[in-house]
């Protein structure tokens, strides 16, 4: 099947047939592909948001506590 003829639905059907391991590999690849785009967008969106170093540190510590206390 040519790429131009493939729809998202076709791709979803193919992916659903993958094993869990293959799906995880695909997720990691997609994350690697999307990370720079998402980071650029985030940085653009945050460009005009005034945040102090202390505020950033507080948020980082809060998230760390949430992640590592579960």
C-alpha atoms as a PDB file:
ATOM      1  CA  UNK A   1       0.000   0.000   0.000  1.00  0.00           C
ATOM      2  CA  UNK A   2       1.411   3.419  -0.924  1.00  0.00           C
ATOM      3  CA  UNK A   3       1.828   6.018   1.799  1.00  0.00           C
ATOM      4  CA  UNK A   4      -0.565   8.372   0.019  1.00  0.00           C
ATOM      5  CA  UNK A   5      -3.287   5.713   0.219  1.00  0.00           C
ATOM      6  CA  UNK A   6      -2.816   4.976   3.917  1.00  0.00           C
ATOM      7  CA  UNK A   7      -5.162   6.574   6.396  1.00  0.00           C
ATOM      8  CA  UNK A   8      -4.814   6.927  10.125  1.00  0.00           C
ATOM      9  CA  UNK A   9      -7.362   4.145  10.457  1.00  0.00           C
ATOM     10  CA  UNK A  10      -5.181   1.826   8.329  1.00  0.00           C
ATOM     11  CA  UNK A  11      -2.186   2.589  10.511  1.00  0.00           C
ATOM     12  CA  UNK A  12      -4.208   2.040  13.704  1.00  0.00           C
ATOM     13  CA  UNK A  13      -5.280  -1.390  12.468  1.00  0.00           C
ATOM     14  CA  UNK A  14      -1.670  -2.332  11.776  1.00  0.00           C
ATOM     15  CA  UNK A  15      -0.474  -1.042  15.154  1.00  0.00           C
ATOM     16  CA  UNK A  16      -3.177  -2.932  17.039  1.00  0.00           C
ATOM     17  CA  UNK A  17      -1.766  -6.146  15.583  1.00  0.00           C
ATOM     18  CA  UNK A  18       1.684  -5.417  17.085  1.00  0.00           C
ATOM     19  CA  UNK A  19       2.908  -7.032  20.271  1.00  0.00           C
ATOM     20  CA  UNK A  20       3.204  -4.877  23.384  1.00  0.00           C
ATOM     21  CA  UNK A  21       6.974  -4.723  22.918  1.00  0.00           C
ATOM     22  CA  UNK A  22       6.606  -3.500  19.321  1.00  0.00           C
ATOM     23  CA  UNK A  23       4.069  -0.898  20.436  1.00  0.00           C
ATOM     24  CA  UNK A  24       6.477   0.377  23.097  1.00  0.00           C
ATOM     25  CA  UNK A  25       9.251   0.679  20.514  1.00  0.00           C
ATOM     26  CA  UNK A  26       6.898   2.665  18.310  1.00  0.00           C
ATOM     27  CA  UNK A  27       5.923   4.942  21.186  1.00  0.00           C
ATOM     28  CA  UNK A  28       9.588   5.662  21.961  1.00  0.00           C
ATOM     29  CA  UNK A  29      10.299   6.471  18.316  1.00  0.00           C
ATOM     30  CA  UNK A  30       7.316   8.797  18.105  1.00  0.00           C
ATOM     31  CA  UNK A  31       8.343  10.525  21.328  1.00  0.00           C
ATOM     32  CA  UNK A  32      11.871  11.059  19.969  1.00  0.00           C
ATOM     33  CA  UNK A  33      10.413  12.497  16.780  1.00  0.00           C
ATOM     34  CA  UNK A  34       7.959  14.785  18.550  1.00  0.00           C
ATOM     35  CA  UNK A  35      10.114  15.983  21.447  1.00  0.00           C
ATOM     36  CA  UNK A  36      11.961  18.793  19.645  1.00  0.00           C
ATOM     37  CA  UNK A  37       8.709  20.119  18.163  1.00  0.00           C
ATOM     38  CA  UNK A  38       6.927  20.015  21.490  1.00  0.00           C
ATOM     39  CA  UNK A  39       9.837  21.655  23.279  1.00  0.00           C
ATOM     40  CA  UNK A  40      10.023  24.471  20.710  1.00  0.00           C
ATOM     41  CA  UNK A  41       6.297  25.092  21.063  1.00  0.00           C
ATOM     42  CA  UNK A  42       6.542  25.110  24.843  1.00  0.00           C
ATOM     43  CA  UNK A  43       9.436  27.553  24.783  1.00  0.00           C
ATOM     44  CA  UNK A  44       7.549  29.849  22.409  1.00  0.00           C
ATOM     45  CA  UNK A  45       4.452  29.695  24.606  1.00  0.00           C
ATOM     46  CA  UNK A  46       6.455  30.413  27.753  1.00  0.00           C
ATOM     47  CA  UNK A  47       8.589  33.171  26.314  1.00  0.00           C
ATOM     48  CA  UNK A  48       6.409  35.898  27.841  1.00  0.00           C
ATOM     49  CA  UNK A  49       5.558  34.148  31.102  1.00  0.00           C
ATOM     50  CA  UNK A  50       7.503  35.725  33.938  1.00  0.00           C
ATOM     51  CA  UNK A  51       8.835  32.953  36.166  1.00  0.00           C
ATOM     52  CA  UNK A  52      11.519  33.267  38.758  1.00  0.00           C
ATOM     53  CA  UNK A  53      14.198  30.679  39.366  1.00  0.00           C
ATOM     54  CA  UNK A  54      12.640  29.997  42.773  1.00  0.00           C
ATOM     55  CA  UNK A  55       9.207  29.333  41.235  1.00  0.00           C
ATOM     56  CA  UNK A  56      10.699  26.904  38.757  1.00  0.00           C
ATOM     57  CA  UNK A  57      12.620  25.143  41.538  1.00  0.00           C
ATOM     58  CA  UNK A  58       9.488  24.835  43.661  1.00  0.00           C
ATOM     59  CA  UNK A  59       7.570  23.280  40.786  1.00  0.00           C
ATOM     60  CA  UNK A  60      10.392  20.848  39.988  1.00  0.00           C
ATOM     61  CA  UNK A  61      10.563  19.742  43.622  1.00  0.00           C
ATOM     62  CA  UNK A  62       6.780  19.322  43.775  1.00  0.00           C
ATOM     63  CA  UNK A  63       6.772  17.132  40.656  1.00  0.00           C
ATOM     64  CA  UNK A  64       9.672  15.060  41.955  1.00  0.00           C
ATOM     65  CA  UNK A  65       7.866  14.427  45.216  1.00  0.00           C
ATOM     66  CA  UNK A  66       4.717  13.401  43.338  1.00  0.00           C
ATOM     67  CA  UNK A  67       6.613  11.010  41.094  1.00  0.00           C
ATOM     68  CA  UNK A  68       8.775   9.353  43.719  1.00  0.00           C
ATOM     69  CA  UNK A  69       6.309   8.978  46.565  1.00  0.00           C
ATOM     70  CA  UNK A  70       3.933   6.733  44.645  1.00  0.00           C
END
